[in-house]
Each structure stands twice: as structure tokens, then as C-alpha cells.
Amino acid sequence: MDTCFNKKDDLWFVKDFGYVGKGYYGSTDEESMMKEIYENGPIVVALNAAPDLYYYSSGVFITNAQEPLIQDNGNP
């Protein structure tokens, strides 16, 4: 059994959260993320990856995707 997951004193919980950028999912950019990290500390990010990234193993990743992946979340 892995002992690192059994210590309750090492657990961290979120008290509050928000979206970086314009206030909704997917509205941020690198500058907004850097500012948030500088002012408030670590952030959590997600990656909307091209399918060819699924097979990535090492080195510099270069995609063959011609169009950006777009997620329609109903926000302007």
C-alpha cells in the first residue's frame, strides 16, 4: 500500500475558486495566467489537446492539425 496517500495532514482542499481571464471557462490567455500566478499563487489548467497528442511520447510536440479545436460552451 502506498503510504503517501494515507496521511490526512498532507491533504489540501479548495476553499474558493474562479476563472482566470474574462470570468468564464476558456476565456484566458498566457498573460492573464501569469498575472494570476504572480498575485495569488498556483493555478489549475486543462488542455484541449489535438488527437495526435494522444500518441506523444517524447521530444518537441508538433501537431498536424489544420484547424484549432473549438469548444462551444455557450459563452460569448
C-alpha atoms as a PDB file:
ATOM      1  CA  MET A   1       0.000   0.000   0.000  1.00  0.00           C
ATOM      2  CA  ASP A   2       1.296   3.456  -0.908  1.00  0.00           C
ATOM      3  CA  THR A   3       1.708   5.408   2.337  1.00  0.00           C
ATOM      4  CA  CYS A   4       1.866   8.883   0.734  1.00  0.00           C
ATOM      5  CA  PHE A   5      -1.913   8.892   0.218  1.00  0.00           C
ATOM      6  CA  ASN A   6      -2.748   7.808   3.756  1.00  0.00           C
ATOM      7  CA  LYS A   7      -1.584  10.933   5.607  1.00  0.00           C
ATOM      8  CA  LYS A   8      -4.570  13.173   6.333  1.00  0.00           C
ATOM      9  CA  ASP A   9      -2.335  16.036   7.467  1.00  0.00           C
ATOM     10  CA  ASP A  10      -0.900  16.284   3.915  1.00  0.00           C
ATOM     11  CA  LEU A  11      -4.276  16.871   2.228  1.00  0.00           C
ATOM     12  CA  TRP A  12      -5.198  20.241   0.767  1.00  0.00           C
ATOM     13  CA  PHE A  13      -8.731  21.411  -0.012  1.00  0.00           C
ATOM     14  CA  VAL A  14     -10.121  24.246  -2.126  1.00  0.00           C
ATOM     15  CA  LYS A  15     -11.990  26.965  -0.235  1.00  0.00           C
ATOM     16  CA  ASP A  16     -12.847  29.092  -3.249  1.00  0.00           C
ATOM     17  CA  PHE A  17     -12.212  29.191  -6.980  1.00  0.00           C
ATOM     18  CA  GLY A  18     -12.778  31.359 -10.022  1.00  0.00           C
ATOM     19  CA  TYR A  19     -11.940  31.574 -13.688  1.00  0.00           C
ATOM     20  CA  VAL A  20      -8.871  33.466 -14.913  1.00  0.00           C
ATOM     21  CA  GLY A  21      -9.476  35.924 -17.734  1.00  0.00           C
ATOM     22  CA  LYS A  22     -12.925  37.224 -18.601  1.00  0.00           C
ATOM     23  CA  GLY A  23     -14.656  35.146 -15.940  1.00  0.00           C
ATOM     24  CA  TYR A  24     -15.749  32.024 -17.801  1.00  0.00           C
ATOM     25  CA  TYR A  25     -14.197  28.717 -18.843  1.00  0.00           C
ATOM     26  CA  GLY A  26     -11.862  29.040 -21.814  1.00  0.00           C
ATOM     27  CA  SER A  27     -11.524  32.838 -21.769  1.00  0.00           C
ATOM     28  CA  THR A  28      -7.947  33.233 -20.578  1.00  0.00           C
ATOM     29  CA  ASP A  29      -4.557  33.799 -22.179  1.00  0.00           C
ATOM     30  CA  GLU A  30      -0.925  33.427 -21.110  1.00  0.00           C
ATOM     31  CA  GLU A  31      -0.658  36.962 -19.731  1.00  0.00           C
ATOM     32  CA  SER A  32      -3.756  36.542 -17.536  1.00  0.00           C
ATOM     33  CA  MET A  33      -2.441  33.240 -16.198  1.00  0.00           C
ATOM     34  CA  MET A  34       0.976  34.737 -15.388  1.00  0.00           C
ATOM     35  CA  LYS A  35      -0.681  37.638 -13.565  1.00  0.00           C
ATOM     36  CA  GLU A  36      -2.890  35.268 -11.565  1.00  0.00           C
ATOM     37  CA  ILE A  37       0.099  33.130 -10.548  1.00  0.00           C
ATOM     38  CA  TYR A  38       2.103  36.217  -9.553  1.00  0.00           C
ATOM     39  CA  GLU A  39      -0.736  37.701  -7.473  1.00  0.00           C
ATOM     40  CA  ASN A  40      -2.368  34.580  -5.997  1.00  0.00           C
ATOM     41  CA  GLY A  41      -0.115  31.554  -6.465  1.00  0.00           C
ATOM     42  CA  PRO A  42      -0.669  28.259  -8.300  1.00  0.00           C
ATOM     43  CA  ILE A  43      -3.463  27.706 -10.804  1.00  0.00           C
ATOM     44  CA  VAL A  44      -5.048  24.592 -12.322  1.00  0.00           C
ATOM     45  CA  VAL A  45      -5.240  24.268 -16.100  1.00  0.00           C
ATOM     46  CA  ALA A  46      -6.769  21.885 -18.625  1.00  0.00           C
ATOM     47  CA  LEU A  47      -5.548  21.140 -22.119  1.00  0.00           C
ATOM     48  CA  ASN A  48      -7.882  20.736 -25.073  1.00  0.00           C
ATOM     49  CA  ALA A  49      -5.442  18.556 -26.996  1.00  0.00           C
ATOM     50  CA  ALA A  50      -5.347  17.606 -30.648  1.00  0.00           C
ATOM     51  CA  PRO A  51      -5.926  13.850 -31.155  1.00  0.00           C
ATOM     52  CA  ASP A  52      -2.350  13.314 -32.356  1.00  0.00           C
ATOM     53  CA  LEU A  53      -1.104  14.353 -28.891  1.00  0.00           C
ATOM     54  CA  TYR A  54      -2.588  11.096 -27.532  1.00  0.00           C
ATOM     55  CA  TYR A  55       0.339   9.209 -29.077  1.00  0.00           C
ATOM     56  CA  TYR A  56       3.081  11.635 -27.973  1.00  0.00           C
ATOM     57  CA  SER A  57       5.982  10.007 -26.143  1.00  0.00           C
ATOM     58  CA  SER A  58       8.954  12.423 -26.083  1.00  0.00           C
ATOM     59  CA  GLY A  59      10.636  15.449 -27.677  1.00  0.00           C
ATOM     60  CA  VAL A  60       9.046  18.588 -29.089  1.00  0.00           C
ATOM     61  CA  PHE A  61       5.383  18.074 -29.987  1.00  0.00           C
ATOM     62  CA  ILE A  62       4.344  19.421 -33.393  1.00  0.00           C
ATOM     63  CA  THR A  63       0.745  18.895 -34.450  1.00  0.00           C
ATOM     64  CA  ASN A  64      -0.537  18.261 -37.947  1.00  0.00           C
ATOM     65  CA  ALA A  65      -3.945  19.719 -37.044  1.00  0.00           C
ATOM     66  CA  GLN A  66      -5.010  22.370 -39.546  1.00  0.00           C
ATOM     67  CA  GLU A  67      -7.804  23.972 -37.503  1.00  0.00           C
ATOM     68  CA  PRO A  68      -7.842  24.864 -33.805  1.00  0.00           C
ATOM     69  CA  LEU A  69     -10.050  22.806 -31.545  1.00  0.00           C
ATOM     70  CA  ILE A  70     -13.051  24.909 -30.537  1.00  0.00           C
ATOM     71  CA  GLN A  71     -15.299  24.184 -27.590  1.00  0.00           C
ATOM     72  CA  ASP A  72     -18.720  25.772 -27.736  1.00  0.00           C
ATOM     73  CA  ASN A  73     -19.578  26.405 -24.108  1.00  0.00           C
ATOM     74  CA  GLY A  74     -22.341  28.891 -24.851  1.00  0.00           C
ATOM     75  CA  ASN A  75     -20.384  31.913 -23.657  1.00  0.00           C
ATOM     76  CA  PRO A  76     -19.587  34.935 -25.838  1.00  0.00           C
END
